[in-house]
Amino acid sequence: MIATGTNGSESWSDFLQSLVGSVLLNGNGLAEIETDDRGAVKSLTTIPWPSVTPWAMDDGELAFDVLRMTPPDAGKRRRLIA
């Protein structure tokens, strides 16, 4: 993963620029960690903060509802648990 980038569409510099840019412009940044069956990190993907709605769950867990903005899943929501 270090040699090939964080995922199939972002290099390390793209990933860091997107994440830090989101923090500077919006006050927050979010990255999704994808793991394999053993729990090893497979990829890191930045998620644009304007497409995120944070939630404090009743049990105290933090969740993020993410609105997908690109086809073919544009307009679909999914929930990420912190």
Protein backbone atom coordinates (compact mmCIF):
# COMPACT_ATOMS: atom_id res chain seq x y z
CA MET A 1 0.00 0.00 0.00
CA ILE A 2 2.86 2.38 0.71
CA ALA A 3 4.34 2.00 -2.78
CA THR A 4 1.04 1.97 -4.69
CA GLY A 5 -0.90 4.72 -2.91
CA THR A 6 -3.78 4.73 -0.49
CA ASN A 7 -6.38 3.35 -2.91
CA GLY A 8 -6.99 2.88 -6.62
CA SER A 9 -7.75 6.54 -7.30
CA GLU A 10 -5.58 8.52 -4.84
CA SER A 11 -1.82 8.67 -4.39
CA TRP A 12 -0.46 9.40 -0.92
CA SER A 13 -0.03 13.07 -1.76
CA ASP A 14 -3.62 13.25 -3.13
CA PHE A 15 -4.94 11.57 0.02
CA LEU A 16 -3.09 13.90 2.39
CA GLN A 17 -3.96 17.00 0.37
CA SER A 18 -7.66 16.08 0.36
CA LEU A 19 -7.78 15.24 4.05
CA VAL A 20 -5.80 18.26 5.26
CA GLY A 21 -7.66 20.54 2.84
CA SER A 22 -10.98 19.33 4.23
CA VAL A 23 -9.82 20.02 7.78
CA LEU A 24 -8.62 23.51 6.90
CA LEU A 25 -11.70 24.47 4.88
CA ASN A 26 -14.43 22.71 6.89
CA GLY A 27 -12.96 22.16 10.34
CA ASN A 28 -13.20 18.38 9.93
CA GLY A 29 -11.94 15.59 7.72
CA LEU A 30 -12.95 11.97 7.29
CA ALA A 31 -11.17 8.98 5.81
CA GLU A 32 -12.58 5.49 5.42
CA ILE A 33 -10.32 2.57 6.36
CA GLU A 34 -10.99 -0.60 4.37
CA THR A 35 -9.61 -3.83 5.84
CA ASP A 36 -9.22 -7.39 4.61
CA ASP A 37 -10.60 -10.51 6.34
CA ARG A 38 -7.69 -10.52 8.82
CA GLY A 39 -8.11 -6.85 9.73
CA ALA A 40 -5.08 -5.59 7.80
CA VAL A 41 -5.53 -2.20 6.15
CA LYS A 42 -6.24 -2.52 2.41
CA SER A 43 -6.99 1.10 1.56
CA LEU A 44 -7.63 4.59 2.88
CA THR A 45 -10.11 6.85 1.11
CA THR A 46 -10.93 10.47 1.85
CA ILE A 47 -14.60 11.36 2.09
CA PRO A 48 -15.60 14.96 1.27
CA TRP A 49 -16.86 16.52 4.51
CA PRO A 50 -19.80 18.36 2.84
CA SER A 51 -21.27 14.91 2.07
CA VAL A 52 -21.06 13.79 5.73
CA THR A 53 -23.61 14.06 8.52
CA PRO A 54 -22.16 13.15 11.95
CA TRP A 55 -24.42 11.50 14.55
CA ALA A 56 -24.04 10.68 18.23
CA MET A 57 -25.86 7.37 18.69
CA ASP A 58 -27.96 6.57 21.77
CA ASP A 59 -25.25 4.22 23.05
CA GLY A 60 -22.60 6.96 22.75
CA GLU A 61 -21.02 5.68 19.53
CA LEU A 62 -20.13 8.17 16.84
CA ALA A 63 -21.53 7.49 13.36
CA PHE A 64 -21.21 9.25 10.04
CA ASP A 65 -23.92 9.16 7.38
CA VAL A 66 -22.22 9.60 4.01
CA LEU A 67 -24.13 10.72 0.92
CA ARG A 68 -22.45 9.33 -2.17
CA MET A 69 -21.96 12.00 -4.80
CA THR A 70 -20.67 10.08 -7.82
CA PRO A 71 -22.42 7.60 -10.10
CA PRO A 72 -23.48 4.84 -10.05
CA ASP A 73 -24.33 5.25 -6.33
CA ALA A 74 -25.05 9.00 -6.37
CA GLY A 75 -27.72 9.95 -3.86
CA LYS A 76 -27.38 6.78 -1.78
CA ARG A 77 -26.52 7.03 1.91
CA ARG A 78 -24.38 4.68 3.95
CA ARG A 79 -23.39 4.72 7.60
CA LEU A 80 -19.84 4.51 8.90
CA ILE A 81 -19.27 3.75 12.59
CA ALA A 82 -16.27 5.34 14.30
